[in-house]
Protein backbone atom coordinates (compact mmCIF):
# COMPACT_ATOMS: atom_id res chain seq x y z
CA UNK A 1 124.10 99.30 74.05
CA UNK A 2 122.25 97.89 76.98
CA UNK A 3 121.67 94.51 74.90
CA UNK A 4 125.30 94.28 74.34
CA UNK A 5 125.60 95.04 77.97
CA UNK A 6 123.21 92.15 79.00
CA UNK A 7 124.99 89.88 76.75
CA UNK A 8 128.67 90.69 77.68
CA UNK A 9 127.13 90.29 81.37
CA UNK A 10 125.20 86.79 80.63
CA UNK A 11 128.36 85.69 78.92
CA UNK A 12 130.77 86.39 81.84
CA UNK A 13 128.74 84.44 83.88
CA UNK A 14 128.44 81.52 81.49
CA UNK A 15 131.98 81.07 81.04
CA UNK A 16 132.81 80.85 84.60
CA UNK A 17 129.95 78.24 84.88
CA UNK A 18 131.81 76.48 81.94
CA UNK A 19 135.04 76.40 83.71
CA UNK A 20 133.74 75.18 86.78
CA UNK A 21 132.20 72.39 85.48
CA UNK A 22 135.38 71.48 83.32
CA UNK A 23 137.58 71.85 86.47
CA UNK A 24 135.39 70.02 88.47
CA UNK A 25 135.21 67.09 85.86
CA UNK A 26 138.74 66.83 85.15
CA UNK A 27 139.34 66.69 89.28
CA UNK A 28 136.48 63.95 89.69
CA UNK A 29 137.01 61.88 86.38
CA UNK A 30 140.42 62.61 84.70
CA UNK A 31 141.61 63.80 81.69
CA UNK A 32 141.09 60.39 79.57
CA UNK A 33 137.73 61.92 78.05
CA UNK A 34 136.25 65.37 77.47
CA UNK A 35 133.36 64.72 80.09
CA UNK A 36 133.12 68.15 81.13
CA UNK A 37 132.60 69.51 77.66
CA UNK A 38 130.21 66.44 76.57
CA UNK A 39 128.23 67.37 79.79
CA UNK A 40 128.25 71.08 79.00
CA UNK A 41 126.92 70.80 75.60
CA UNK A 42 124.09 68.42 76.90
CA UNK A 43 123.30 70.32 79.92
CA UNK A 44 123.53 73.76 77.89
CA UNK A 45 121.32 72.39 75.12
CA UNK A 46 118.72 71.13 77.81
CA UNK A 47 118.45 74.44 79.61
CA UNK A 48 118.17 76.01 76.05
CA UNK A 49 114.83 73.84 75.33
CA UNK A 50 113.77 74.87 78.61
CA UNK A 51 114.41 78.52 78.33
CA UNK A 52 113.16 79.00 75.01
CA UNK A 53 109.94 76.87 75.49
CA UNK A 54 109.34 78.59 78.85
CA UNK A 55 109.60 82.05 76.69
CA UNK A 56 107.51 80.78 73.92
CA UNK A 57 104.86 79.17 75.74
CA UNK A 58 104.60 79.96 79.34
CA UNK A 59 106.43 83.56 80.18
CA UNK A 60 103.56 85.80 78.59
CA UNK A 61 104.45 89.24 77.99
CA UNK A 62 106.31 90.12 80.83
CA UNK A 63 109.75 88.62 79.75
CA UNK A 64 111.45 91.00 77.33
CA UNK A 65 113.76 90.65 74.75
CA UNK A 66 116.59 91.80 77.00
CA UNK A 67 115.85 88.96 79.37
CA UNK A 68 115.96 86.53 76.36
CA UNK A 69 119.34 87.94 75.24
CA UNK A 70 121.02 87.66 79.03
CA UNK A 71 119.78 84.06 79.25
CA UNK A 72 120.36 82.55 75.76
CA UNK A 73 122.82 84.52 73.71
CA UNK A 74 124.89 85.96 77.19
CA UNK A 75 124.78 83.03 79.62
CA UNK A 76 124.32 79.89 77.62
CA UNK A 77 126.75 81.38 74.62
CA UNK A 78 129.26 81.89 77.22
CA UNK A 79 128.44 78.30 78.57
CA UNK A 80 128.35 76.92 75.33
CA UNK A 81 127.57 77.67 71.60
CA UNK A 82 126.35 74.05 71.29
CA UNK A 83 123.10 75.07 72.70
CA UNK A 84 122.79 77.62 70.07
CA UNK A 85 123.71 75.06 67.32
CA UNK A 86 121.09 72.59 68.89
CA UNK A 87 118.38 75.15 68.84
CA UNK A 88 119.25 76.25 65.51
CA UNK A 89 119.01 72.70 64.01
CA UNK A 90 115.92 71.74 65.70
CA UNK A 91 113.99 74.73 64.41
CA UNK A 92 114.84 73.77 60.89
CA UNK A 93 113.86 70.40 61.55
CA UNK A 94 110.62 71.62 63.22
CA UNK A 95 109.99 74.17 60.31
CA UNK A 96 109.91 70.93 57.86
CA UNK A 97 113.27 72.25 56.39
CA UNK A 98 114.60 68.74 56.92
CA UNK A 99 117.35 69.08 54.09
CA UNK A 100 118.61 72.63 55.65
CA UNK A 101 119.04 70.95 59.01
CA UNK A 102 120.90 68.10 57.75
CA UNK A 103 123.04 70.36 56.03
CA UNK A 104 123.68 72.48 59.00
CA UNK A 105 124.18 69.73 61.43
CA UNK A 106 126.81 67.64 59.17
CA UNK A 107 128.17 70.77 57.30
CA UNK A 108 128.77 72.15 60.91
CA UNK A 109 130.33 69.37 62.21
CA UNK A 110 132.39 68.24 59.54
CA UNK A 111 133.41 71.63 58.41
CA UNK A 112 134.21 72.73 61.80
CA UNK A 113 136.84 69.55 62.33
CA UNK A 114 138.08 70.27 58.98
CA UNK A 115 138.74 73.83 60.12
CA UNK A 116 140.31 72.89 63.11
CA UNK A 117 142.52 70.23 61.60
CA UNK A 118 143.54 72.88 58.74
CA UNK A 119 144.21 75.25 61.38
CA UNK A 120 146.44 72.91 63.22
CA UNK A 121 148.23 71.95 59.96
CA UNK A 122 148.69 75.56 59.30
CA UNK A 123 150.52 76.36 62.42
CA UNK A 124 152.39 73.13 62.44
CA UNK A 125 153.61 73.94 58.85
CA UNK A 126 154.98 77.22 60.16
CA UNK A 127 157.42 75.47 62.63
């Protein structure tokens, strides 16, 4: 239960940060391009790399599974799920599973776009 609460708390923080970045980018850069989402995805992936690298190579025994859950699944999960996608794709690649990495990246992007188009088409068909 503690783990779930930490993820919940972190996701709230991440979601608020995401809203702040989106709001600021719309205010400063306008609505012609999704600058905020792009920045969130890039920033979130970079921060995921920093956190995972730190926890794996520098943090030592003092960092718990709860801290990892709060930061990665919680805060970054609320900020962007693209960071988890990026981490998983790179982990497959680093393990030498290039075929799985390719299938994961292309499949996730193509099928996610297809699912969104399908959902839109379904709802439009209801009208």
